[in-house]
Amino acid sequence: MTLGCWRPVDFTWFSLAVGFFVSFCLHRFSSHLPLRLGRSLAFRCFQDLIRYGKTKRHSKRPDLLRVFDVPKRWFGHFYVVSVLWSGFLITLSLRAVLLEESLPKWLLKTVGFLTGGHVSNNVPPSVLLVQILLWVHGLRRLLECLFVSVFSNGVIHLVQYAFGLVYYIFLALTVLCVDVSSSQEALPLLSQVKWYHAVGTILFLWASWLQHHSLSLLARLRTGNSGTVETLAHRMPQGCWFDLVSCPHYFAELLIYASLAICVGGGSLTWWLVVLHVLFNQALAAQLCHEFYRSKFKAYPQQRKAFIPFVL
């Protein structure tokens, strides 16, 4: 299959994956770049775009770039959008499945544009399951932003903020574009439940626990046992999967998206492209965090990887 034959939704996720892969490679091997290029304004703008929070704080940034800073705690806005938008689409899908109502024309036209073809009004159980799990994921992350995470005065770039808002809108629409088998759509809903739905859901729940536990450990570095904020300084994370990688919460994010690929049967090119994008996106973020920890803590474990245990 050539790129020219790909559906718009597939080409979009493939382009995002390539963009983050190139960004990861460019940053990873930046020490080998010519000195003049490494000090150029263009490269400094690139570094400013890929960094956020603690990884941005100690970088040399022109005053002009600081104009585009917004608080990192605005991360929670992403999940507000995710919960509201995904919840709205789930409501439409449930009415289509349970009440046999038609999906709105505007939604069918939107999905039709993204898939480049005719769209069925049928919502397969796999799609409905992924919609629900994504909504649960967004709700959990929102609650963690509100009640678990302890944000300092870190910042993110305005472009990153805008990307995050659009990302969760597009992600929810992508779920309706996944290519799953509809050969059993005439059967009752429960009769269409498959073994891979259970496997994917179990992996999703375990990866969600891992992410929540990792974020809780990070929060405790600032709250201690009292539960009240004692410091906003960065401390070296330890325990559980932090003994293997610097960012187990990013690894858990990858597993969450991989679990959803299993939930749709493991054969959806569209969703595997989403997973590919998440892989390179989280790899870049983890690499930046890993470098920060190694530069800040002299006793940082040398055997600890950045993102994927024993690999990366």
Protein backbone atom coordinates (compact mmCIF):
# COMPACT_ATOMS: atom_id res chain seq x y z
CA MET A 1 0.00 0.00 0.00
CA THR A 2 1.44 3.38 -1.03
CA LEU A 3 1.06 6.54 1.03
CA GLY A 4 -1.17 7.93 -1.69
CA CYS A 5 -3.68 5.16 -0.95
CA TRP A 6 -3.79 5.83 2.77
CA ARG A 7 -6.86 7.32 4.37
CA PRO A 8 -6.53 10.91 5.67
CA VAL A 9 -6.75 9.73 9.29
CA ASP A 10 -3.96 7.18 8.74
CA PHE A 11 -1.73 9.67 6.95
CA THR A 12 -2.21 12.18 9.79
CA TRP A 13 -1.12 9.74 12.50
CA PHE A 14 1.76 8.47 10.36
CA SER A 15 2.94 12.06 9.83
CA LEU A 16 2.78 12.75 13.56
CA ALA A 17 4.75 9.57 14.30
CA VAL A 18 7.43 10.51 11.76
CA GLY A 19 7.59 14.05 13.15
CA PHE A 20 8.21 12.86 16.72
CA PHE A 21 10.66 10.18 15.53
CA VAL A 22 12.70 12.80 13.69
CA SER A 23 12.52 15.09 16.73
CA PHE A 24 13.70 12.25 18.97
CA CYS A 25 16.64 11.45 16.69
CA LEU A 26 17.56 15.10 16.22
CA HIS A 27 17.66 15.67 19.96
CA ARG A 28 19.35 12.35 20.78
CA PHE A 29 22.21 13.04 18.38
CA SER A 30 22.31 16.82 18.82
CA SER A 31 25.78 16.59 20.37
CA HIS A 32 27.07 15.51 16.95
CA LEU A 33 25.63 18.54 15.16
CA PRO A 34 27.96 21.32 13.98
CA LEU A 35 28.49 23.86 16.77
CA ARG A 36 27.08 26.66 14.64
CA LEU A 37 23.84 24.77 14.03
CA GLY A 38 23.49 23.77 17.67
CA ARG A 39 23.67 27.41 18.72
CA SER A 40 21.37 28.71 16.01
CA LEU A 41 18.04 30.36 16.84
CA ALA A 42 16.20 27.71 14.82
CA PHE A 43 17.65 24.88 16.92
CA ARG A 44 16.92 26.75 20.16
CA CYS A 45 13.32 27.20 19.02
CA PHE A 46 13.18 23.47 18.29
CA GLN A 47 14.43 22.67 21.79
CA ASP A 48 11.88 25.06 23.25
CA LEU A 49 9.06 23.30 21.40
CA ILE A 50 9.94 19.79 22.55
CA ARG A 51 10.65 20.63 26.19
CA TYR A 52 8.25 21.35 29.03
CA GLY A 53 8.23 21.53 32.80
CA LYS A 54 11.53 20.67 34.48
CA THR A 55 13.28 19.89 31.19
CA LYS A 56 12.62 23.45 29.98
CA ARG A 57 13.54 25.25 33.17
CA HIS A 58 17.34 25.08 32.89
CA SER A 59 17.67 25.52 29.14
CA LYS A 60 19.03 28.79 27.75
CA ARG A 61 15.99 30.53 26.33
CA PRO A 62 15.72 33.92 24.64
CA ASP A 63 13.20 36.29 26.23
CA LEU A 64 11.19 36.20 23.01
CA LEU A 65 10.42 32.50 23.50
CA ARG A 66 9.15 33.05 27.05
CA VAL A 67 6.24 35.01 25.63
CA PHE A 68 4.69 31.70 24.55
CA ASP A 69 4.86 30.09 28.00
CA VAL A 70 1.69 28.86 29.70
CA PRO A 71 1.52 27.06 33.08
CA LYS A 72 2.17 23.33 33.00
CA ARG A 73 -0.77 22.84 35.37
CA TRP A 74 -2.96 23.62 32.35
CA PHE A 75 -2.36 19.98 31.41
CA GLY A 76 -5.65 19.35 33.18
CA HIS A 77 -7.47 21.22 30.40
CA PHE A 78 -6.56 18.42 27.99
CA TYR A 79 -8.46 15.91 30.07
CA VAL A 80 -11.45 18.19 30.56
CA VAL A 81 -11.75 18.31 26.77
CA SER A 82 -11.19 14.56 26.55
CA VAL A 83 -13.87 13.68 29.13
CA LEU A 84 -16.48 16.05 27.70
CA TRP A 85 -15.88 15.32 24.01
CA SER A 86 -15.39 11.55 24.39
CA GLY A 87 -18.41 11.38 26.69
CA PHE A 88 -20.51 13.16 24.08
CA LEU A 89 -19.42 10.74 21.33
CA ILE A 90 -20.04 7.74 23.61
CA THR A 91 -23.58 8.97 24.20
CA LEU A 92 -24.17 9.11 20.45
CA SER A 93 -22.67 5.64 19.98
CA LEU A 94 -24.75 4.13 22.79
CA ARG A 95 -27.94 5.57 21.30
CA ALA A 96 -26.96 4.08 17.94
CA VAL A 97 -26.30 0.65 19.48
CA LEU A 98 -29.11 0.42 22.04
CA LEU A 99 -31.82 2.54 20.45
CA GLU A 100 -30.81 1.93 16.82
CA GLU A 101 -30.72 5.66 16.17
CA SER A 102 -28.65 7.09 13.34
CA LEU A 103 -25.45 8.93 14.12
CA PRO A 104 -25.70 12.68 13.36
CA LYS A 105 -25.03 13.60 9.75
CA TRP A 106 -22.24 15.99 10.71
CA LEU A 107 -20.44 13.16 12.52
CA LEU A 108 -20.90 10.72 9.62
CA LYS A 109 -19.57 13.36 7.21
CA THR A 110 -16.57 14.07 9.45
CA VAL A 111 -15.69 10.38 9.82
CA GLY A 112 -16.32 9.89 6.10
CA PHE A 113 -13.82 12.63 5.30
CA LEU A 114 -11.22 11.12 7.64
CA THR A 115 -11.67 7.64 6.20
CA GLY A 116 -12.04 8.77 2.60
CA GLY A 117 -15.15 6.70 1.97
CA HIS A 118 -18.65 5.65 2.95
CA VAL A 119 -19.33 5.31 6.68
CA SER A 120 -21.67 2.77 8.20
CA ASN A 121 -24.06 3.83 10.93
CA ASN A 122 -23.11 0.66 12.81
CA VAL A 123 -20.87 1.02 15.90
CA PRO A 124 -19.03 -2.30 16.51
CA PRO A 125 -18.56 -3.46 20.12
CA SER A 126 -14.79 -3.08 19.76
CA VAL A 127 -15.19 0.59 18.90
CA LEU A 128 -17.63 1.18 21.76
CA LEU A 129 -15.25 -0.55 24.19
CA VAL A 130 -12.31 1.60 23.12
CA GLN A 131 -14.45 4.73 23.42
CA ILE A 132 -15.39 3.81 26.99
CA LEU A 133 -11.82 2.91 28.00
CA LEU A 134 -10.47 6.15 26.56
CA TRP A 135 -13.10 8.08 28.50
CA VAL A 136 -12.09 6.26 31.70
CA HIS A 137 -8.45 7.06 30.95
CA GLY A 138 -9.22 10.75 30.46
CA LEU A 139 -11.30 10.90 33.64
CA ARG A 140 -8.58 9.25 35.70
CA ARG A 141 -5.93 11.62 34.36
CA LEU A 142 -8.17 14.60 35.09
CA LEU A 143 -8.68 13.46 38.69
CA GLU A 144 -4.93 12.89 39.05
CA CYS A 145 -4.22 16.41 37.80
CA LEU A 146 -6.70 17.80 40.34
CA PHE A 147 -5.99 15.66 43.40
CA VAL A 148 -2.68 13.78 43.00
CA SER A 149 -0.06 15.65 40.99
CA VAL A 150 1.81 18.54 42.60
CA PHE A 151 2.65 21.12 39.96
CA SER A 152 5.45 23.61 40.41
CA ASN A 153 5.87 26.77 38.38
CA GLY A 154 6.85 24.79 35.28
CA VAL A 155 5.64 25.89 31.88
CA ILE A 156 4.73 24.46 28.50
CA HIS A 157 4.82 26.10 25.09
CA LEU A 158 1.61 27.60 23.76
CA VAL A 159 1.96 25.38 20.68
CA GLN A 160 2.14 22.29 22.92
CA TYR A 161 -0.97 23.46 24.74
CA ALA A 162 -2.92 24.00 21.51
CA PHE A 163 -1.68 20.65 20.16
CA GLY A 164 -2.89 18.87 23.30
CA LEU A 165 -6.39 20.31 23.02
CA VAL A 166 -6.72 19.36 19.34
CA TYR A 167 -5.10 15.97 19.99
CA TYR A 168 -7.86 14.69 22.27
CA ILE A 169 -10.58 15.91 19.93
CA PHE A 170 -8.96 14.16 16.98
CA LEU A 171 -8.18 11.04 19.00
CA ALA A 172 -11.82 10.51 19.93
CA LEU A 173 -12.83 10.87 16.27
CA THR A 174 -10.10 8.42 15.27
CA VAL A 175 -11.74 5.70 17.36
CA LEU A 176 -14.74 5.89 15.02
CA CYS A 177 -12.39 5.45 12.06
CA VAL A 178 -10.67 2.23 13.13
CA ASP A 179 -10.94 -0.60 10.63
CA VAL A 180 -12.56 -3.53 12.47
CA SER A 181 -14.47 -6.52 11.15
CA SER A 182 -18.22 -6.04 10.94
CA SER A 183 -19.07 -9.57 9.81
CA GLN A 184 -21.01 -10.25 13.01
CA GLU A 185 -22.85 -6.95 13.30
CA ALA A 186 -26.24 -8.72 13.00
CA LEU A 187 -25.65 -10.70 16.21
CA PRO A 188 -26.75 -9.46 19.65
CA LEU A 189 -24.26 -7.15 21.36
CA LEU A 190 -23.11 -9.65 24.00
CA SER A 191 -22.63 -12.35 21.35
CA GLN A 192 -20.02 -10.15 19.69
CA VAL A 193 -17.76 -10.06 22.76
CA LYS A 194 -14.42 -11.73 21.97
CA TRP A 195 -11.46 -13.00 23.96
CA TYR A 196 -9.27 -10.10 22.84
CA HIS A 197 -11.72 -7.65 24.41
CA ALA A 198 -10.94 -9.25 27.79
CA VAL A 199 -7.18 -9.39 27.17
CA GLY A 200 -7.05 -5.76 26.06
CA THR A 201 -9.15 -4.59 28.99
CA ILE A 202 -6.99 -6.45 31.52
CA LEU A 203 -3.81 -4.91 30.06
CA PHE A 204 -5.51 -1.50 30.07
CA LEU A 205 -6.41 -1.81 33.77
CA TRP A 206 -2.91 -2.97 34.74
CA ALA A 207 -1.20 -0.22 32.72
CA SER A 208 -3.58 2.34 34.24
CA TRP A 209 -2.64 1.12 37.73
CA LEU A 210 1.06 1.37 36.85
CA GLN A 211 0.64 4.93 35.61
CA HIS A 212 -1.40 5.99 38.63
CA HIS A 213 1.04 4.37 41.06
CA SER A 214 4.00 6.02 39.33
CA LEU A 215 2.37 9.45 39.39
CA SER A 216 1.50 8.95 43.06
CA LEU A 217 5.14 8.15 43.87
CA LEU A 218 6.23 11.32 42.07
CA ALA A 219 3.70 13.36 44.03
CA ARG A 220 4.92 11.90 47.34
CA LEU A 221 8.40 13.24 46.59
CA ARG A 222 6.89 16.66 47.22
CA THR A 223 4.30 15.86 49.88
CA GLY A 224 5.97 13.23 52.03
CA ASN A 225 3.80 11.10 54.31
CA SER A 226 1.82 14.09 55.55
CA GLY A 227 -0.07 14.59 52.30
CA THR A 228 0.62 18.33 52.35
CA VAL A 229 3.11 19.94 49.98
CA GLU A 230 6.53 20.18 51.65
CA THR A 231 8.65 21.23 48.69
CA LEU A 232 8.45 21.94 44.97
CA ALA A 233 12.04 20.82 44.42
CA HIS A 234 12.76 17.83 42.21
CA ARG A 235 13.93 14.70 43.99
CA MET A 236 15.20 11.43 42.60
CA PRO A 237 12.30 8.97 42.13
CA GLN A 238 12.82 5.45 43.44
CA GLY A 239 10.84 2.29 43.98
CA CYS A 240 8.57 0.09 41.89
CA TRP A 241 9.20 0.55 38.14
CA PHE A 242 11.31 3.65 38.78
CA ASP A 243 14.11 1.21 39.55
CA LEU A 244 13.97 0.11 35.90
CA VAL A 245 13.16 3.31 34.00
CA SER A 246 13.13 7.03 34.67
CA CYS A 247 9.58 7.44 33.38
CA PRO A 248 7.38 4.39 34.02
CA HIS A 249 4.28 6.62 33.66
CA TYR A 250 5.27 7.24 30.03
CA PHE A 251 5.83 3.52 29.47
CA ALA A 252 2.39 2.89 30.98
CA GLU A 253 0.89 5.39 28.52
CA LEU A 254 2.32 3.35 25.65
CA LEU A 255 0.88 0.14 27.14
CA ILE A 256 -2.53 1.77 27.52
CA TYR A 257 -2.67 2.62 23.83
CA ALA A 258 -1.32 -0.82 22.89
CA SER A 259 -4.07 -2.41 24.99
CA LEU A 260 -6.66 -0.52 22.94
CA ALA A 261 -5.09 -1.91 19.77
CA ILE A 262 -5.73 -5.37 21.22
CA CYS A 263 -9.33 -4.41 22.03
CA VAL A 264 -10.03 -3.78 18.34
CA GLY A 265 -8.61 -7.18 17.41
CA GLY A 266 -4.99 -6.21 16.84
CA GLY A 267 -5.48 -5.74 13.10
CA SER A 268 -6.32 -2.04 12.82
CA LEU A 269 -3.65 -0.15 10.88
CA THR A 270 -5.20 3.10 12.03
CA TRP A 271 -4.82 2.35 15.72
CA TRP A 272 -1.31 0.92 15.37
CA LEU A 273 -0.31 4.22 13.77
CA VAL A 274 -1.73 5.94 16.86
CA VAL A 275 0.41 3.61 19.01
CA LEU A 276 3.45 4.40 16.85
CA HIS A 277 2.90 8.11 17.43
CA VAL A 278 2.57 7.55 21.19
CA LEU A 279 5.78 5.48 21.17
CA PHE A 280 7.91 8.26 19.68
CA ASN A 281 6.10 11.05 21.52
CA GLN A 282 6.62 9.43 24.92
CA ALA A 283 10.15 8.30 24.03
CA LEU A 284 11.13 11.91 23.39
CA ALA A 285 9.56 13.14 26.63
CA ALA A 286 11.18 10.30 28.60
CA GLN A 287 14.61 10.96 27.08
CA LEU A 288 14.43 14.61 28.13
CA CYS A 289 13.43 13.64 31.69
CA HIS A 290 16.13 10.97 31.82
CA GLU A 291 18.79 13.50 30.84
CA PHE A 292 17.49 15.93 33.46
CA TYR A 293 17.70 13.35 36.24
CA ARG A 294 21.19 12.22 35.24
CA SER A 295 22.47 15.80 35.16
CA LYS A 296 20.86 16.76 38.49
CA PHE A 297 21.64 13.69 40.62
CA LYS A 298 25.24 12.49 40.69
CA ALA A 299 24.22 9.17 42.25
CA TYR A 300 21.56 8.46 39.62
CA PRO A 301 21.55 4.70 38.79
CA GLN A 302 23.49 4.15 35.57
CA GLN A 303 21.60 0.95 34.72
CA ARG A 304 18.24 2.73 34.72
CA LYS A 305 16.79 3.21 31.24
CA ALA A 306 14.69 6.19 30.16
CA PHE A 307 11.47 4.68 28.88
CA ILE A 308 11.29 0.94 28.09
CA PRO A 309 12.86 -1.46 30.62
CA PHE A 310 16.20 -2.92 29.45
CA VAL A 311 15.74 -1.39 25.97
CA LEU A 312 15.57 2.42 25.76
